[in-house]
Amino acid sequence: MSLRLAGPLNVGLALSLLQCVTAACAIGWYARHARRVLDPEAAQVRALLREEGEV
């Protein structure tokens, strides 16, 4: 982990930065998926419950 890659950048730091990038990509993918798939379904359920007087 302490093997230097370039200047102050070592393997451990590079892996942790890669983990941050991977997490950001996963969060972005899930947010896009939720907007496209889950939000419309939730809106339909809310509308149905409002019609029935549940909410």
C-alpha atoms as a PDB file:
ATOM      1  CA  MET A   1       0.000   0.000   0.000  1.00  0.00           C
ATOM      2  CA  SER A   2       2.892   2.353   0.622  1.00  0.00           C
ATOM      3  CA  LEU A   3       4.392   1.846  -2.836  1.00  0.00           C
ATOM      4  CA  ARG A   4       4.801   5.304  -4.382  1.00  0.00           C
ATOM      5  CA  LEU A   5       3.191   5.852  -7.770  1.00  0.00           C
ATOM      6  CA  ALA A   6       3.917   9.536  -8.405  1.00  0.00           C
ATOM      7  CA  GLY A   7       5.063  12.180  -5.933  1.00  0.00           C
ATOM      8  CA  PRO A   8       2.968  11.917  -2.759  1.00  0.00           C
ATOM      9  CA  LEU A   9       0.500   9.507  -4.431  1.00  0.00           C
ATOM     10  CA  ASN A  10       0.864   5.942  -3.187  1.00  0.00           C
ATOM     11  CA  VAL A  11      -1.194   2.809  -3.880  1.00  0.00           C
ATOM     12  CA  GLY A  12      -3.392   3.239  -0.794  1.00  0.00           C
ATOM     13  CA  LEU A  13      -4.282   6.826  -1.674  1.00  0.00           C
ATOM     14  CA  ALA A  14      -4.943   5.888  -5.299  1.00  0.00           C
ATOM     15  CA  LEU A  15      -7.289   3.082  -4.228  1.00  0.00           C
ATOM     16  CA  SER A  16      -9.173   5.357  -1.830  1.00  0.00           C
ATOM     17  CA  LEU A  17      -9.603   7.987  -4.549  1.00  0.00           C
ATOM     18  CA  LEU A  18     -10.838   5.285  -6.924  1.00  0.00           C
ATOM     19  CA  GLN A  19     -13.329   4.176  -4.271  1.00  0.00           C
ATOM     20  CA  CYS A  20     -14.685   7.738  -4.043  1.00  0.00           C
ATOM     21  CA  VAL A  21     -15.112   7.897  -7.819  1.00  0.00           C
ATOM     22  CA  THR A  22     -16.827   4.500  -7.861  1.00  0.00           C
ATOM     23  CA  ALA A  23     -19.197   5.525  -5.056  1.00  0.00           C
ATOM     24  CA  ALA A  24     -20.076   8.773  -6.846  1.00  0.00           C
ATOM     25  CA  CYS A  25     -20.851   6.841 -10.040  1.00  0.00           C
ATOM     26  CA  ALA A  26     -23.040   4.356  -8.158  1.00  0.00           C
ATOM     27  CA  ILE A  27     -24.940   7.174  -6.435  1.00  0.00           C
ATOM     28  CA  GLY A  28     -25.466   8.917  -9.770  1.00  0.00           C
ATOM     29  CA  TRP A  29     -26.682   5.734 -11.408  1.00  0.00           C
ATOM     30  CA  TYR A  30     -29.131   5.035  -8.564  1.00  0.00           C
ATOM     31  CA  ALA A  31     -30.448   8.608  -8.578  1.00  0.00           C
ATOM     32  CA  ARG A  32     -31.048   8.397 -12.331  1.00  0.00           C
ATOM     33  CA  HIS A  33     -32.740   5.008 -11.939  1.00  0.00           C
ATOM     34  CA  ALA A  34     -34.930   6.309  -9.111  1.00  0.00           C
ATOM     35  CA  ARG A  35     -36.036   9.341 -11.137  1.00  0.00           C
ATOM     36  CA  ARG A  36     -36.860   7.242 -14.192  1.00  0.00           C
ATOM     37  CA  VAL A  37     -38.406   4.143 -12.578  1.00  0.00           C
ATOM     38  CA  LEU A  38     -39.251   4.558  -8.909  1.00  0.00           C
ATOM     39  CA  ASP A  39     -40.576   8.141  -8.777  1.00  0.00           C
ATOM     40  CA  PRO A  40     -43.326   7.597 -11.390  1.00  0.00           C
ATOM     41  CA  GLU A  41     -44.486   4.460  -9.567  1.00  0.00           C
ATOM     42  CA  ALA A  42     -44.513   6.293  -6.230  1.00  0.00           C
ATOM     43  CA  ALA A  43     -46.553   9.087  -7.790  1.00  0.00           C
ATOM     44  CA  GLN A  44     -49.089   6.539  -9.042  1.00  0.00           C
ATOM     45  CA  VAL A  45     -49.409   5.010  -5.583  1.00  0.00           C
ATOM     46  CA  ARG A  46     -49.837   8.471  -3.998  1.00  0.00           C
ATOM     47  CA  ALA A  47     -52.517   9.381  -6.542  1.00  0.00           C
ATOM     48  CA  LEU A  48     -54.346   6.112  -5.885  1.00  0.00           C
ATOM     49  CA  LEU A  49     -54.244   6.665  -2.130  1.00  0.00           C
ATOM     50  CA  ARG A  50     -55.509  10.234  -2.497  1.00  0.00           C
ATOM     51  CA  GLU A  51     -58.448   9.001  -4.554  1.00  0.00           C
ATOM     52  CA  GLU A  52     -59.308   6.514  -1.814  1.00  0.00           C
ATOM     53  CA  GLY A  53     -58.922   9.156   0.883  1.00  0.00           C
ATOM     54  CA  GLU A  54     -56.081   7.376   2.630  1.00  0.00           C
ATOM     55  CA  VAL A  55     -53.666  10.310   2.623  1.00  0.00           C
END
